[in-house]
């Protein structure tokens, strides 16, 4: 059985890290992004895709999106061809705006989501969106084109994560 902490405990851990230990939230975000980028690189190596990898990172405007932008930057720094799709509906969090600025300063290819992305040209999809409906849409696109997808499944304070079940998202 896999343990998923509830949102209140996770928020308490984040708050403790930030306020008691003095770890800035962008450092925590960087660590989360390192996990995503390391997993993608390891998966690519396992599947003998060491060069010429093309990744699309679809980002909402919350902290999931900010994590995705940080992962996109890390992959870009490793020489991986990364494209960012902004799919958020708001100006975004402070961390999101910071990560978006950094990605822009580095010249990483970014577009606003217009419903017209050709996912077939990518080897991987990073899902850094904030809503379940958008996540399902991305998973369906990934399945349609047989593309591996890495999803950031943060729940924030939106739901009771103790009620989560690990299952096929299409059920």
C-alpha atoms as a PDB file:
ATOM      1  CA  UNK A   1       0.000   0.000   0.000  1.00  0.00           C
ATOM      2  CA  UNK A   2       1.234   3.491  -0.826  1.00  0.00           C
ATOM      3  CA  UNK A   3       0.850   6.214   1.753  1.00  0.00           C
ATOM      4  CA  UNK A   4      -0.424   9.613   0.632  1.00  0.00           C
ATOM      5  CA  UNK A   5      -0.256  12.318   3.238  1.00  0.00           C
ATOM      6  CA  UNK A   6      -3.285  14.510   3.686  1.00  0.00           C
ATOM      7  CA  UNK A   7      -3.204  18.102   2.426  1.00  0.00           C
ATOM      8  CA  UNK A   8      -3.161  19.567   5.939  1.00  0.00           C
ATOM      9  CA  UNK A   9      -0.043  17.584   6.893  1.00  0.00           C
ATOM     10  CA  UNK A  10       1.695  18.462   3.625  1.00  0.00           C
ATOM     11  CA  UNK A  11       0.872  22.144   4.089  1.00  0.00           C
ATOM     12  CA  UNK A  12       2.250  21.928   7.656  1.00  0.00           C
ATOM     13  CA  UNK A  13       5.471  20.328   6.362  1.00  0.00           C
ATOM     14  CA  UNK A  14       5.813  23.062   3.714  1.00  0.00           C
ATOM     15  CA  UNK A  15       5.122  25.805   6.270  1.00  0.00           C
ATOM     16  CA  UNK A  16       7.628  24.315   8.706  1.00  0.00           C
ATOM     17  CA  UNK A  17      10.257  24.044   5.963  1.00  0.00           C
ATOM     18  CA  UNK A  18       9.673  27.628   4.859  1.00  0.00           C
ATOM     19  CA  UNK A  19       9.053  29.435   8.147  1.00  0.00           C
ATOM     20  CA  UNK A  20      10.911  27.413  10.789  1.00  0.00           C
ATOM     21  CA  UNK A  21      13.865  26.115   8.776  1.00  0.00           C
ATOM     22  CA  UNK A  22      14.036  29.128   6.439  1.00  0.00           C
ATOM     23  CA  UNK A  23      13.956  27.151   3.190  1.00  0.00           C
ATOM     24  CA  UNK A  24      12.432  29.426   0.528  1.00  0.00           C
ATOM     25  CA  UNK A  25       9.467  27.977  -1.350  1.00  0.00           C
ATOM     26  CA  UNK A  26      11.384  28.285  -4.637  1.00  0.00           C
ATOM     27  CA  UNK A  27      14.027  25.928  -3.212  1.00  0.00           C
ATOM     28  CA  UNK A  28      11.316  23.382  -2.382  1.00  0.00           C
ATOM     29  CA  UNK A  29       9.993  23.885  -5.915  1.00  0.00           C
ATOM     30  CA  UNK A  30      13.468  23.306  -7.334  1.00  0.00           C
ATOM     31  CA  UNK A  31      13.715  20.010  -5.455  1.00  0.00           C
ATOM     32  CA  UNK A  32      10.330  18.874  -6.810  1.00  0.00           C
ATOM     33  CA  UNK A  33      11.409  19.814 -10.329  1.00  0.00           C
ATOM     34  CA  UNK A  34      14.688  17.915  -9.929  1.00  0.00           C
ATOM     35  CA  UNK A  35      12.652  14.794  -9.168  1.00  0.00           C
ATOM     36  CA  UNK A  36      10.636  15.217 -12.374  1.00  0.00           C
ATOM     37  CA  UNK A  37      13.633  15.989 -14.586  1.00  0.00           C
ATOM     38  CA  UNK A  38      15.730  13.155 -13.101  1.00  0.00           C
ATOM     39  CA  UNK A  39      12.865  10.691 -13.577  1.00  0.00           C
ATOM     40  CA  UNK A  40      12.422  11.733 -17.216  1.00  0.00           C
ATOM     41  CA  UNK A  41      16.157  11.431 -17.956  1.00  0.00           C
ATOM     42  CA  UNK A  42      16.301   8.002 -16.255  1.00  0.00           C
ATOM     43  CA  UNK A  43      13.230   6.803 -18.201  1.00  0.00           C
ATOM     44  CA  UNK A  44      14.740   8.047 -21.463  1.00  0.00           C
ATOM     45  CA  UNK A  45      18.059   6.301 -20.775  1.00  0.00           C
ATOM     46  CA  UNK A  46      16.255   3.071 -19.862  1.00  0.00           C
ATOM     47  CA  UNK A  47      14.485   3.238 -23.229  1.00  0.00           C
ATOM     48  CA  UNK A  48      17.716   4.046 -25.114  1.00  0.00           C
ATOM     49  CA  UNK A  49      16.625   7.620 -25.853  1.00  0.00           C
ATOM     50  CA  UNK A  50      19.769   9.489 -24.877  1.00  0.00           C
ATOM     51  CA  UNK A  51      19.796  12.158 -27.581  1.00  0.00           C
ATOM     52  CA  UNK A  52      17.267  14.020 -29.672  1.00  0.00           C
ATOM     53  CA  UNK A  53      14.591  13.937 -26.977  1.00  0.00           C
ATOM     54  CA  UNK A  54      11.735  16.402 -27.432  1.00  0.00           C
ATOM     55  CA  UNK A  55       9.563  17.283 -24.421  1.00  0.00           C
ATOM     56  CA  UNK A  56       6.435  19.401 -24.054  1.00  0.00           C
ATOM     57  CA  UNK A  57       5.668  20.763 -20.609  1.00  0.00           C
ATOM     58  CA  UNK A  58       2.062  21.906 -20.191  1.00  0.00           C
ATOM     59  CA  UNK A  59       1.836  24.324 -17.262  1.00  0.00           C
ATOM     60  CA  UNK A  60      -1.067  25.734 -15.322  1.00  0.00           C
ATOM     61  CA  UNK A  61      -0.622  29.041 -13.525  1.00  0.00           C
ATOM     62  CA  UNK A  62      -0.396  27.649  -9.984  1.00  0.00           C
ATOM     63  CA  UNK A  63       2.520  26.092  -8.163  1.00  0.00           C
ATOM     64  CA  UNK A  64       2.176  22.859 -10.190  1.00  0.00           C
ATOM     65  CA  UNK A  65       2.836  25.031 -13.238  1.00  0.00           C
ATOM     66  CA  UNK A  66       5.798  26.650 -11.514  1.00  0.00           C
ATOM     67  CA  UNK A  67       7.229  23.184 -10.749  1.00  0.00           C
ATOM     68  CA  UNK A  68       6.799  22.311 -14.429  1.00  0.00           C
ATOM     69  CA  UNK A  69       8.569  25.474 -15.560  1.00  0.00           C
ATOM     70  CA  UNK A  70      11.493  24.691 -13.247  1.00  0.00           C
ATOM     71  CA  UNK A  71      11.661  21.134 -14.647  1.00  0.00           C
ATOM     72  CA  UNK A  72      11.566  22.503 -18.208  1.00  0.00           C
ATOM     73  CA  UNK A  73      14.505  24.779 -17.392  1.00  0.00           C
ATOM     74  CA  UNK A  74      16.496  21.907 -15.883  1.00  0.00           C
ATOM     75  CA  UNK A  75      15.884  19.692 -18.910  1.00  0.00           C
ATOM     76  CA  UNK A  76      16.831  22.565 -21.222  1.00  0.00           C
ATOM     77  CA  UNK A  77      20.085  22.990 -19.274  1.00  0.00           C
ATOM     78  CA  UNK A  78      20.772  19.291 -19.977  1.00  0.00           C
ATOM     79  CA  UNK A  79      20.425  19.906 -23.719  1.00  0.00           C
ATOM     80  CA  UNK A  80      16.942  18.399 -24.041  1.00  0.00           C
ATOM     81  CA  UNK A  81      14.639  20.119 -26.539  1.00  0.00           C
ATOM     82  CA  UNK A  82      11.867  21.464 -24.285  1.00  0.00           C
ATOM     83  CA  UNK A  83       8.759  23.379 -25.311  1.00  0.00           C
ATOM     84  CA  UNK A  84       6.431  25.014 -22.784  1.00  0.00           C
ATOM     85  CA  UNK A  85       2.690  25.435 -23.211  1.00  0.00           C
ATOM     86  CA  UNK A  86       1.045  27.937 -20.856  1.00  0.00           C
ATOM     87  CA  UNK A  87      -2.399  26.600 -19.977  1.00  0.00           C
ATOM     88  CA  UNK A  88      -3.210  28.678 -16.911  1.00  0.00           C
ATOM     89  CA  UNK A  89      -6.241  30.874 -16.524  1.00  0.00           C
ATOM     90  CA  UNK A  90      -4.803  33.483 -14.176  1.00  0.00           C
ATOM     91  CA  UNK A  91      -1.771  35.692 -13.643  1.00  0.00           C
ATOM     92  CA  UNK A  92      -0.388  32.972 -11.395  1.00  0.00           C
ATOM     93  CA  UNK A  93       1.365  32.704  -8.063  1.00  0.00           C
ATOM     94  CA  UNK A  94       4.532  34.645  -7.236  1.00  0.00           C
ATOM     95  CA  UNK A  95       6.566  31.468  -7.751  1.00  0.00           C
ATOM     96  CA  UNK A  96       4.888  30.835 -11.114  1.00  0.00           C
ATOM     97  CA  UNK A  97       5.650  34.361 -12.320  1.00  0.00           C
ATOM     98  CA  UNK A  98       9.290  33.984 -11.197  1.00  0.00           C
ATOM     99  CA  UNK A  99       9.737  30.637 -12.985  1.00  0.00           C
ATOM    100  CA  UNK A 100       7.956  31.971 -16.103  1.00  0.00           C
ATOM    101  CA  UNK A 101      10.341  34.946 -16.176  1.00  0.00           C
ATOM    102  CA  UNK A 102      13.400  32.683 -15.880  1.00  0.00           C
ATOM    103  CA  UNK A 103      12.182  30.388 -18.680  1.00  0.00           C
ATOM    104  CA  UNK A 104      11.557  33.445 -20.858  1.00  0.00           C
ATOM    105  CA  UNK A 105      15.005  34.890 -20.094  1.00  0.00           C
ATOM    106  CA  UNK A 106      16.597  31.590 -21.172  1.00  0.00           C
ATOM    107  CA  UNK A 107      14.782  31.692 -24.509  1.00  0.00           C
ATOM    108  CA  UNK A 108      12.938  28.415 -24.033  1.00  0.00           C
ATOM    109  CA  UNK A 109      10.175  28.046 -26.640  1.00  0.00           C
ATOM    110  CA  UNK A 110       6.857  28.988 -24.997  1.00  0.00           C
ATOM    111  CA  UNK A 111       3.334  29.315 -26.394  1.00  0.00           C
ATOM    112  CA  UNK A 112      -0.090  29.996 -24.945  1.00  0.00           C
ATOM    113  CA  UNK A 113      -2.426  26.998 -25.124  1.00  0.00           C
ATOM    114  CA  UNK A 114      -4.956  27.462 -27.910  1.00  0.00           C
ATOM    115  CA  UNK A 115      -6.329  23.916 -28.083  1.00  0.00           C
ATOM    116  CA  UNK A 116      -4.176  23.181 -31.112  1.00  0.00           C
ATOM    117  CA  UNK A 117      -1.000  21.460 -29.898  1.00  0.00           C
ATOM    118  CA  UNK A 118       0.378  18.625 -32.049  1.00  0.00           C
ATOM    119  CA  UNK A 119       1.512  16.249 -29.329  1.00  0.00           C
ATOM    120  CA  UNK A 120       2.662  13.622 -31.867  1.00  0.00           C
ATOM    121  CA  UNK A 121       5.977  15.440 -32.348  1.00  0.00           C
ATOM    122  CA  UNK A 122       7.042  14.917 -28.716  1.00  0.00           C
ATOM    123  CA  UNK A 123       8.742  12.026 -26.931  1.00  0.00           C
ATOM    124  CA  UNK A 124       7.428  13.015 -23.477  1.00  0.00           C
ATOM    125  CA  UNK A 125       4.672  15.142 -21.973  1.00  0.00           C
ATOM    126  CA  UNK A 126       5.077  16.774 -18.570  1.00  0.00           C
ATOM    127  CA  UNK A 127       1.686  17.523 -17.022  1.00  0.00           C
ATOM    128  CA  UNK A 128       2.005  20.506 -14.682  1.00  0.00           C
ATOM    129  CA  UNK A 129      -1.611  21.669 -14.871  1.00  0.00           C
ATOM    130  CA  UNK A 130      -3.853  22.264 -11.912  1.00  0.00           C
ATOM    131  CA  UNK A 131      -7.249  20.769 -12.741  1.00  0.00           C
ATOM    132  CA  UNK A 132      -8.317  17.152 -12.989  1.00  0.00           C
ATOM    133  CA  UNK A 133     -10.193  17.788 -16.258  1.00  0.00           C
ATOM    134  CA  UNK A 134      -7.039  19.218 -17.887  1.00  0.00           C
ATOM    135  CA  UNK A 135      -4.994  16.283 -16.556  1.00  0.00           C
ATOM    136  CA  UNK A 136      -7.451  13.804 -18.061  1.00  0.00           C
ATOM    137  CA  UNK A 137      -7.283  15.621 -21.407  1.00  0.00           C
ATOM    138  CA  UNK A 138      -3.474  15.374 -21.374  1.00  0.00           C
ATOM    139  CA  UNK A 139      -3.512  11.689 -20.419  1.00  0.00           C
ATOM    140  CA  UNK A 140      -5.897  10.971 -23.293  1.00  0.00           C
ATOM    141  CA  UNK A 141      -3.612  12.851 -25.713  1.00  0.00           C
ATOM    142  CA  UNK A 142      -0.630  10.898 -24.410  1.00  0.00           C
ATOM    143  CA  UNK A 143      -2.480   7.605 -24.873  1.00  0.00           C
ATOM    144  CA  UNK A 144      -3.655   8.612 -28.351  1.00  0.00           C
ATOM    145  CA  UNK A 145      -0.060   9.237 -29.455  1.00  0.00           C
ATOM    146  CA  UNK A 146       1.574   6.549 -27.269  1.00  0.00           C
ATOM    147  CA  UNK A 147       3.700   9.153 -25.469  1.00  0.00           C
ATOM    148  CA  UNK A 148       4.890   8.718 -21.869  1.00  0.00           C
ATOM    149  CA  UNK A 149       3.423  11.348 -19.537  1.00  0.00           C
ATOM    150  CA  UNK A 150       4.784  12.525 -16.198  1.00  0.00           C
ATOM    151  CA  UNK A 151       2.087  14.125 -14.052  1.00  0.00           C
ATOM    152  CA  UNK A 152       2.476  16.498 -11.151  1.00  0.00           C
ATOM    153  CA  UNK A 153      -0.411  15.494  -8.932  1.00  0.00           C
ATOM    154  CA  UNK A 154      -0.406  18.227  -6.293  1.00  0.00           C
ATOM    155  CA  UNK A 155      -3.710  18.718  -4.534  1.00  0.00           C
ATOM    156  CA  UNK A 156      -2.974  21.853  -2.542  1.00  0.00           C
ATOM    157  CA  UNK A 157      -5.893  22.541  -0.243  1.00  0.00           C
ATOM    158  CA  UNK A 158      -8.483  21.663  -2.855  1.00  0.00           C
ATOM    159  CA  UNK A 159      -9.433  18.150  -1.771  1.00  0.00           C
ATOM    160  CA  UNK A 160      -9.040  15.639   1.027  1.00  0.00           C
ATOM    161  CA  UNK A 161      -6.073  13.653  -0.251  1.00  0.00           C
ATOM    162  CA  UNK A 162      -6.803  10.831   2.222  1.00  0.00           C
ATOM    163  CA  UNK A 163      -9.688   9.975  -0.117  1.00  0.00           C
ATOM    164  CA  UNK A 164      -7.388   9.457  -3.128  1.00  0.00           C
ATOM    165  CA  UNK A 165      -7.217   6.025  -4.700  1.00  0.00           C
ATOM    166  CA  UNK A 166      -4.372   4.912  -6.920  1.00  0.00           C
ATOM    167  CA  UNK A 167      -6.100   3.642 -10.033  1.00  0.00           C
ATOM    168  CA  UNK A 168      -6.531   4.191 -13.741  1.00  0.00           C
ATOM    169  CA  UNK A 169      -7.507   7.870 -14.193  1.00  0.00           C
ATOM    170  CA  UNK A 170     -10.014   6.895 -16.897  1.00  0.00           C
ATOM    171  CA  UNK A 171     -12.183   4.945 -14.430  1.00  0.00           C
END
